[in-house]
Amino acid sequence: MRAEPGGPLNKVTIRDVAESARVSQSSVSNYFHKPHKLSEATRERIRQAVETLGFVPNDAARMLRTGASPVIGYVAFELASATTPEIATAIEQRVSAEGMYLLMANDTGSRQREREYLQLFEQQRVAGIIISPVGDVENELARLRRRGIASVLSARHARSASQASVSIDHVAGARLAVRHLVELGRRRIGFVASSLDLQQIADRQRGALSVIEQAPDVSLELISVPERSVEAGIACADRLALRAPSDRPDALFCANDLLAIGIIQSFVASGHVRVPEDIAVMGYDDIEFAQSTVVPLSTVRTPHAQLGAAAAKLLFDEITALRATEGVEVREAAPQIEFTPELVVRRSTTGA
């Protein structure tokens, strides 16, 4: 059956497209799912037929036939984070190479929204889920595995041995940062962070405290900010500048680079606090702009692209293993990959 362009899409079938393009139905299927198998001329004929007929492939029907979804779900707690795009790009590259598609969701730091997206992905029967969680979702992910949906925790080490994860050792990263400040002679260190409910931030505090406990003459002050942004860093610096010099920290360890960049920007603009002479500033993540701030930022480098690539590879390994066992977990432990951060020293802590 034919349909005029702009008419009812559901009346056009893959057979209609094949006849119009003078190819087999399997070639039309390959056009959507394995285009590299077709010549450029064949792809062009099929493209023209698809556009002329207004054909839309029915992935639901494909799933019923093959039992496989072409979709991977990715849930991030901060799409606006300076590190999320690099992680997501690495994931998308691997997903695309597998001939599949990535659906991204932003839970905006809400545990409820996080659960709703997991439920949505379950309803859509995605092939797998990568999630950078706000809350504890491991029981829910275990239930999804029993239903045939593989998963990988991203940026957080799994508590359960049966849950695959790719993470960064943020405790070790914080130790590197604070030990560097202590070795420079700083004794009043402020830890600038938002809610410690986020495991990654709590781990950084734990790493900082482990260094302070070994240095009796050094103190750590928790300086709370509402969010981990440049604007929050500026506001934090403005408040610190109002303190008497003897009441200020002589070093700041910021939970991420955006906070540190905002703090440096405010201090330099006001001229009342010198960096690093009065207050040394340490960031975390080593984002693209860290080395190009007015005072280049010392920070802790975390491998964002490598983390995303590893999460995607591990997820496809999990999908293969899950299909081989038909959803029945037969192994004792899932792979849990952890990257080690690296200290990057620049002028914001050591000066010229």
Protein backbone atom coordinates (compact mmCIF):
# COMPACT_ATOMS: atom_id res chain seq x y z
CA MET A 1 0.00 0.00 0.00
CA ARG A 2 1.26 3.49 -0.87
CA ALA A 3 0.88 6.74 1.04
CA GLU A 4 1.21 10.30 -0.13
CA PRO A 5 4.00 12.33 1.47
CA GLY A 6 2.70 13.75 4.71
CA GLY A 7 -0.04 11.11 4.87
CA PRO A 8 -0.51 8.32 7.45
CA LEU A 9 2.91 6.89 8.21
CA ASN A 10 1.74 3.55 9.49
CA LYS A 11 0.34 2.52 6.07
CA VAL A 12 3.77 2.44 4.44
CA THR A 13 5.65 -0.81 4.91
CA ILE A 14 9.25 -1.86 4.45
CA ARG A 15 8.05 -3.84 1.42
CA ASP A 16 6.77 -0.64 -0.19
CA VAL A 17 10.14 1.02 0.31
CA ALA A 18 11.97 -2.00 -1.14
CA GLU A 19 9.78 -2.03 -4.25
CA SER A 20 10.18 1.73 -4.77
CA ALA A 21 13.97 1.56 -4.38
CA ARG A 22 14.22 -1.69 -6.39
CA VAL A 23 16.07 -3.48 -3.57
CA SER A 24 15.35 -6.33 -1.18
CA GLN A 25 13.58 -5.81 2.15
CA SER A 26 16.76 -6.89 3.94
CA SER A 27 18.61 -4.04 2.20
CA VAL A 28 16.05 -1.57 3.56
CA SER A 29 16.55 -3.04 7.03
CA ASN A 30 20.32 -2.69 6.63
CA TYR A 31 19.84 0.95 5.58
CA PHE A 32 18.49 1.74 9.05
CA HIS A 33 20.55 -0.63 11.17
CA LYS A 34 23.71 -1.61 9.25
CA PRO A 35 24.21 1.03 6.53
CA HIS A 36 27.91 0.15 6.11
CA LYS A 37 26.81 -3.07 4.39
CA LEU A 38 25.30 -1.12 1.47
CA SER A 39 26.90 0.74 -1.39
CA GLU A 40 26.49 4.50 -1.55
CA ALA A 41 24.25 4.20 -4.62
CA THR A 42 21.96 1.71 -2.87
CA ARG A 43 21.75 3.90 0.24
CA GLU A 44 20.81 6.88 -1.91
CA ARG A 45 17.99 4.98 -3.69
CA ILE A 46 16.58 3.81 -0.39
CA ARG A 47 16.89 7.30 1.13
CA GLN A 48 14.90 8.78 -1.73
CA ALA A 49 12.22 6.07 -1.41
CA VAL A 50 11.97 6.61 2.36
CA GLU A 51 11.54 10.37 1.93
CA THR A 52 9.06 10.06 -0.93
CA LEU A 53 6.86 7.53 0.87
CA GLY A 54 7.27 9.06 4.32
CA PHE A 55 8.33 5.74 5.82
CA VAL A 56 9.17 5.48 9.53
CA PRO A 57 10.74 2.19 10.73
CA ASN A 58 8.86 0.37 13.47
CA ASP A 59 11.48 -0.51 16.08
CA ALA A 60 8.81 -2.02 18.31
CA ALA A 61 8.06 -4.58 15.62
CA ARG A 62 11.76 -5.24 15.19
CA MET A 63 12.10 -5.90 18.89
CA LEU A 64 9.26 -8.39 18.79
CA ARG A 65 10.98 -10.27 15.96
CA THR A 66 14.55 -10.19 17.24
CA GLY A 67 14.11 -9.69 20.99
CA ALA A 68 16.79 -6.98 20.82
CA SER A 69 16.40 -3.24 21.34
CA PRO A 70 18.61 -0.79 19.41
CA VAL A 71 18.55 1.68 22.31
CA ILE A 72 20.91 2.32 25.25
CA GLY A 73 19.68 4.53 28.11
CA TYR A 74 22.01 6.95 29.90
CA VAL A 75 20.95 8.70 33.12
CA ALA A 76 23.19 11.55 34.33
CA PHE A 77 22.69 13.64 37.45
CA GLU A 78 24.23 16.77 35.88
CA LEU A 79 23.97 17.20 32.12
CA ALA A 80 25.19 20.78 32.62
CA SER A 81 28.32 19.59 34.42
CA ALA A 82 31.59 20.47 32.73
CA THR A 83 32.58 16.78 32.70
CA THR A 84 29.31 15.12 31.57
CA PRO A 85 29.55 16.10 27.86
CA GLU A 86 32.97 14.46 27.50
CA ILE A 87 31.75 11.29 29.20
CA ALA A 88 28.54 11.24 27.14
CA THR A 89 30.44 11.81 23.87
CA ALA A 90 32.67 8.80 24.56
CA ILE A 91 29.61 6.66 25.34
CA GLU A 92 27.80 7.85 22.19
CA GLN A 93 30.80 7.03 20.00
CA ARG A 94 30.82 3.41 21.15
CA VAL A 95 27.02 3.08 20.98
CA SER A 96 27.03 4.48 17.45
CA ALA A 97 29.80 2.09 16.42
CA GLU A 98 27.55 -0.77 17.53
CA GLY A 99 24.79 0.52 15.22
CA MET A 100 22.63 1.52 18.18
CA TYR A 101 21.23 4.72 19.65
CA LEU A 102 21.74 6.60 22.94
CA LEU A 103 18.89 8.19 24.87
CA MET A 104 20.13 10.61 27.54
CA ALA A 105 18.16 11.65 30.62
CA ASN A 106 18.93 14.27 33.27
CA ASP A 107 17.57 13.52 36.73
CA THR A 108 18.54 17.04 37.97
CA GLY A 109 19.78 15.54 41.23
CA SER A 110 16.35 14.10 42.10
CA ARG A 111 16.16 10.53 43.37
CA GLN A 112 12.49 10.40 42.39
CA ARG A 113 13.26 11.53 38.85
CA GLU A 114 16.07 8.98 38.71
CA ARG A 115 13.65 6.15 39.57
CA GLU A 116 11.14 7.43 37.01
CA TYR A 117 13.72 7.32 34.24
CA LEU A 118 14.73 3.79 35.18
CA GLN A 119 11.07 2.80 35.01
CA LEU A 120 10.72 4.52 31.63
CA PHE A 121 13.75 2.72 30.22
CA GLU A 122 12.38 -0.55 31.54
CA GLN A 123 9.06 0.09 29.82
CA GLN A 124 10.91 0.84 26.59
CA ARG A 125 12.86 -2.42 26.99
CA VAL A 126 16.22 -0.77 26.28
CA ALA A 127 19.15 -3.11 25.73
CA GLY A 128 21.12 -1.62 28.60
CA ILE A 129 21.49 1.32 30.99
CA ILE A 130 24.47 3.42 32.03
CA ILE A 131 23.69 5.53 35.08
CA SER A 132 25.59 8.08 37.16
CA PRO A 133 23.30 7.82 40.17
CA VAL A 134 22.30 10.28 42.85
CA GLY A 135 20.73 7.68 45.11
CA ASP A 136 21.28 3.98 45.76
CA VAL A 137 19.87 2.23 42.68
CA GLU A 138 21.67 -1.10 42.88
CA ASN A 139 18.64 -3.11 44.04
CA GLU A 140 16.62 -1.66 41.17
CA LEU A 141 19.38 -2.45 38.68
CA ALA A 142 19.55 -6.02 39.99
CA ARG A 143 15.81 -6.36 39.36
CA LEU A 144 16.27 -5.03 35.81
CA ARG A 145 19.07 -7.55 35.19
CA ARG A 146 16.69 -10.34 36.11
CA ARG A 147 14.39 -8.94 33.42
CA GLY A 148 17.18 -8.98 30.84
CA ILE A 149 18.34 -5.34 30.98
CA ALA A 150 22.08 -4.96 31.56
CA SER A 151 23.50 -2.00 33.47
CA VAL A 152 26.70 -0.23 34.46
CA LEU A 153 27.20 2.31 37.23
CA SER A 154 29.21 5.24 35.90
CA ALA A 155 31.40 7.46 38.12
CA ARG A 156 30.54 5.45 41.23
CA HIS A 157 32.02 2.22 42.54
CA ALA A 158 29.35 -0.44 43.02
CA ARG A 159 28.69 -1.73 46.53
CA SER A 160 27.38 -5.08 45.28
CA ALA A 161 29.84 -7.53 43.75
CA SER A 162 27.23 -8.44 41.11
CA GLN A 163 26.90 -4.87 39.79
CA ALA A 164 29.26 -3.73 37.03
CA SER A 165 30.74 -0.27 37.53
CA VAL A 166 33.31 2.19 36.23
CA SER A 167 34.49 4.76 38.75
CA ILE A 168 37.25 7.12 39.82
CA ASP A 169 39.02 6.81 43.16
CA HIS A 170 37.93 10.19 44.51
CA VAL A 171 39.28 9.41 47.98
CA ALA A 172 42.76 9.06 46.47
CA GLY A 173 42.23 12.17 44.34
CA ALA A 174 41.34 14.28 47.37
CA ARG A 175 44.38 12.94 49.23
CA LEU A 176 46.60 14.14 46.38
CA ALA A 177 45.05 17.61 46.49
CA VAL A 178 45.15 18.15 50.25
CA ARG A 179 48.59 16.58 50.71
CA HIS A 180 49.90 19.01 48.09
CA LEU A 181 48.46 21.96 50.04
CA VAL A 182 49.85 20.69 53.34
CA GLU A 183 53.30 20.17 51.83
CA LEU A 184 53.23 23.79 50.68
CA GLY A 185 52.83 24.83 54.31
CA ARG A 186 49.09 25.60 54.27
CA ARG A 187 47.45 24.96 57.63
CA ARG A 188 43.88 26.32 57.42
CA ILE A 189 42.27 24.48 54.54
CA GLY A 190 38.70 25.04 53.39
CA PHE A 191 36.79 22.32 51.51
CA VAL A 192 34.30 24.07 49.21
CA ALA A 193 31.47 21.70 48.27
CA SER A 194 27.75 21.34 47.83
CA SER A 195 25.65 18.56 49.37
CA LEU A 196 27.63 15.62 50.72
CA ASP A 197 24.68 13.38 49.84
CA LEU A 198 26.38 12.82 46.50
CA GLN A 199 28.79 9.92 47.01
CA GLN A 200 31.51 11.41 44.82
CA ILE A 201 31.61 14.58 46.95
CA ALA A 202 31.49 12.61 50.21
CA ASP A 203 34.46 10.56 48.98
CA ARG A 204 36.45 13.74 48.32
CA GLN A 205 35.74 14.96 51.84
CA ARG A 206 36.77 11.57 53.23
CA GLY A 207 40.05 11.70 51.34
CA ALA A 208 40.73 15.24 52.57
CA LEU A 209 40.04 14.28 56.18
CA SER A 210 42.37 11.28 55.96
CA VAL A 211 45.26 13.67 55.26
CA ILE A 212 44.21 16.16 57.96
CA GLU A 213 44.11 13.36 60.54
CA GLN A 214 47.79 12.73 59.92
CA ALA A 215 48.69 16.42 60.35
CA PRO A 216 47.65 17.58 63.86
CA ASP A 217 48.42 21.26 63.19
CA VAL A 218 46.22 21.40 60.08
CA SER A 219 42.46 22.09 60.13
CA LEU A 220 39.75 21.46 57.56
CA GLU A 221 36.70 23.74 57.33
CA LEU A 222 33.66 22.66 55.32
CA ILE A 223 32.46 25.65 53.28
CA SER A 224 29.02 24.90 51.86
CA VAL A 225 27.77 26.23 48.53
CA PRO A 226 24.33 25.64 46.95
CA GLU A 227 25.72 24.24 43.70
CA ARG A 228 29.02 23.42 41.99
CA SER A 229 29.12 26.31 39.51
CA VAL A 230 31.27 29.34 38.64
CA GLU A 231 28.56 31.61 40.07
CA ALA A 232 28.57 29.72 43.37
CA GLY A 233 32.37 30.02 43.48
CA ILE A 234 32.17 33.79 42.97
CA ALA A 235 29.62 34.14 45.78
CA CYS A 236 31.75 31.96 48.07
CA ALA A 237 34.85 34.09 47.43
CA ASP A 238 32.89 37.28 48.07
CA ARG A 239 31.87 35.93 51.49
CA LEU A 240 35.40 34.84 52.36
CA ALA A 241 36.79 38.25 51.40
CA LEU A 242 34.60 39.83 54.10
CA ARG A 243 36.38 37.84 56.81
CA ALA A 244 39.41 39.13 58.66
CA PRO A 245 42.60 37.72 57.08
CA SER A 246 43.36 35.73 60.23
CA ASP A 247 39.91 34.14 60.07
CA ARG A 248 40.16 33.02 56.44
CA PRO A 249 41.50 29.70 55.20
CA ASP A 250 44.96 29.95 53.67
CA ALA A 251 44.02 27.31 51.09
CA LEU A 252 40.83 26.12 49.41
CA PHE A 253 40.20 22.65 48.02
CA CYS A 254 37.18 22.94 45.73
CA ALA A 255 34.93 20.00 44.88
CA ASN A 256 35.26 20.83 41.19
CA ASP A 257 37.06 23.20 38.84
CA LEU A 258 34.03 25.41 38.19
CA LEU A 259 33.91 26.45 41.85
CA ALA A 260 37.66 27.10 41.86
CA ILE A 261 37.49 29.17 38.67
CA GLY A 262 34.73 31.33 40.16
CA ILE A 263 36.72 31.83 43.37
CA ILE A 264 39.87 32.86 41.50
CA GLN A 265 37.86 35.19 39.27
CA SER A 266 36.36 36.97 42.29
CA PHE A 267 39.63 37.25 44.23
CA VAL A 268 41.56 38.63 41.26
CA ALA A 269 38.79 41.06 40.28
CA SER A 270 38.50 42.49 43.78
CA GLY A 271 42.24 42.70 44.40
CA HIS A 272 41.74 42.16 48.13
CA VAL A 273 42.90 38.53 48.21
CA ARG A 274 45.96 37.34 46.30
CA VAL A 275 46.15 33.88 44.73
CA PRO A 276 48.13 31.98 45.89
CA GLU A 277 50.00 34.32 48.25
CA ASP A 278 47.02 34.82 50.58
CA ILE A 279 44.89 31.83 49.62
CA ALA A 280 46.00 28.91 47.47
CA VAL A 281 43.20 27.46 45.34
CA MET A 282 42.94 23.82 44.25
CA GLY A 283 40.29 22.48 41.88
CA TYR A 284 39.17 19.01 40.86
CA ASP A 285 38.58 17.43 37.40
CA ASP A 286 41.04 19.37 35.17
CA ILE A 287 38.43 20.62 32.73
CA GLU A 288 39.42 22.35 29.51
CA PHE A 289 39.45 25.86 31.02
CA ALA A 290 41.47 25.01 34.14
CA GLN A 291 44.83 25.97 32.65
CA SER A 292 43.57 29.13 30.91
CA THR A 293 42.14 31.00 33.91
CA VAL A 294 43.73 34.32 34.90
CA VAL A 295 45.73 32.30 37.45
CA PRO A 296 46.18 28.79 35.98
CA LEU A 297 44.44 26.31 38.25
CA SER A 298 46.11 23.49 40.15
CA THR A 299 43.72 20.58 40.10
CA VAL A 300 43.21 16.82 40.13
CA ARG A 301 42.90 15.32 36.67
CA THR A 302 40.17 12.70 36.24
CA PRO A 303 39.91 10.71 32.97
CA HIS A 304 36.44 11.65 31.72
CA ALA A 305 36.68 10.31 28.16
CA GLN A 306 38.31 7.09 29.32
CA LEU A 307 35.60 6.62 31.91
CA GLY A 308 32.83 7.02 29.30
CA ALA A 309 34.53 4.67 26.84
CA ALA A 310 35.10 2.06 29.55
CA ALA A 311 31.48 2.31 30.73
CA ALA A 312 30.18 1.75 27.20
CA LYS A 313 32.51 -1.19 26.53
CA LEU A 314 31.62 -2.78 29.85
CA LEU A 315 27.91 -2.35 29.16
CA PHE A 316 28.13 -4.19 25.84
CA ASP A 317 30.09 -6.95 27.56
CA GLU A 318 27.30 -7.12 30.13
CA ILE A 319 24.63 -7.25 27.42
CA THR A 320 26.43 -10.16 25.73
CA ALA A 321 26.84 -12.03 29.02
CA LEU A 322 23.23 -11.46 30.02
CA ARG A 323 21.88 -12.71 26.71
CA ALA A 324 24.09 -15.78 26.92
CA THR A 325 22.59 -16.71 30.29
CA GLU A 326 19.05 -15.53 29.44
CA GLY A 327 18.94 -13.17 32.39
CA VAL A 328 20.10 -15.71 34.99
CA GLU A 329 23.15 -14.46 36.92
CA VAL A 330 25.66 -17.29 37.08
CA ARG A 331 28.88 -15.49 38.01
CA GLU A 332 29.97 -14.45 41.45
CA ALA A 333 31.32 -11.00 40.58
CA ALA A 334 30.86 -8.37 37.88
CA PRO A 335 33.76 -6.28 36.54
CA GLN A 336 34.39 -3.13 38.59
CA ILE A 337 36.86 -0.76 36.97
CA GLU A 338 38.39 2.11 38.95
CA PHE A 339 40.61 4.86 37.53
CA THR A 340 43.27 6.65 39.58
CA PRO A 341 43.35 10.48 39.41
CA GLU A 342 46.49 12.54 38.83
CA LEU A 343 47.72 15.72 40.54
CA VAL A 344 48.26 18.68 38.18
CA VAL A 345 50.20 21.57 39.74
CA ARG A 346 49.84 25.09 38.34
CA ARG A 347 50.19 28.68 39.58
CA SER A 348 47.03 28.84 41.77
CA THR A 349 48.90 26.92 44.50
CA THR A 350 52.60 27.47 43.78
CA GLY A 351 52.72 30.98 42.28
CA ALA A 352 54.98 32.03 39.43
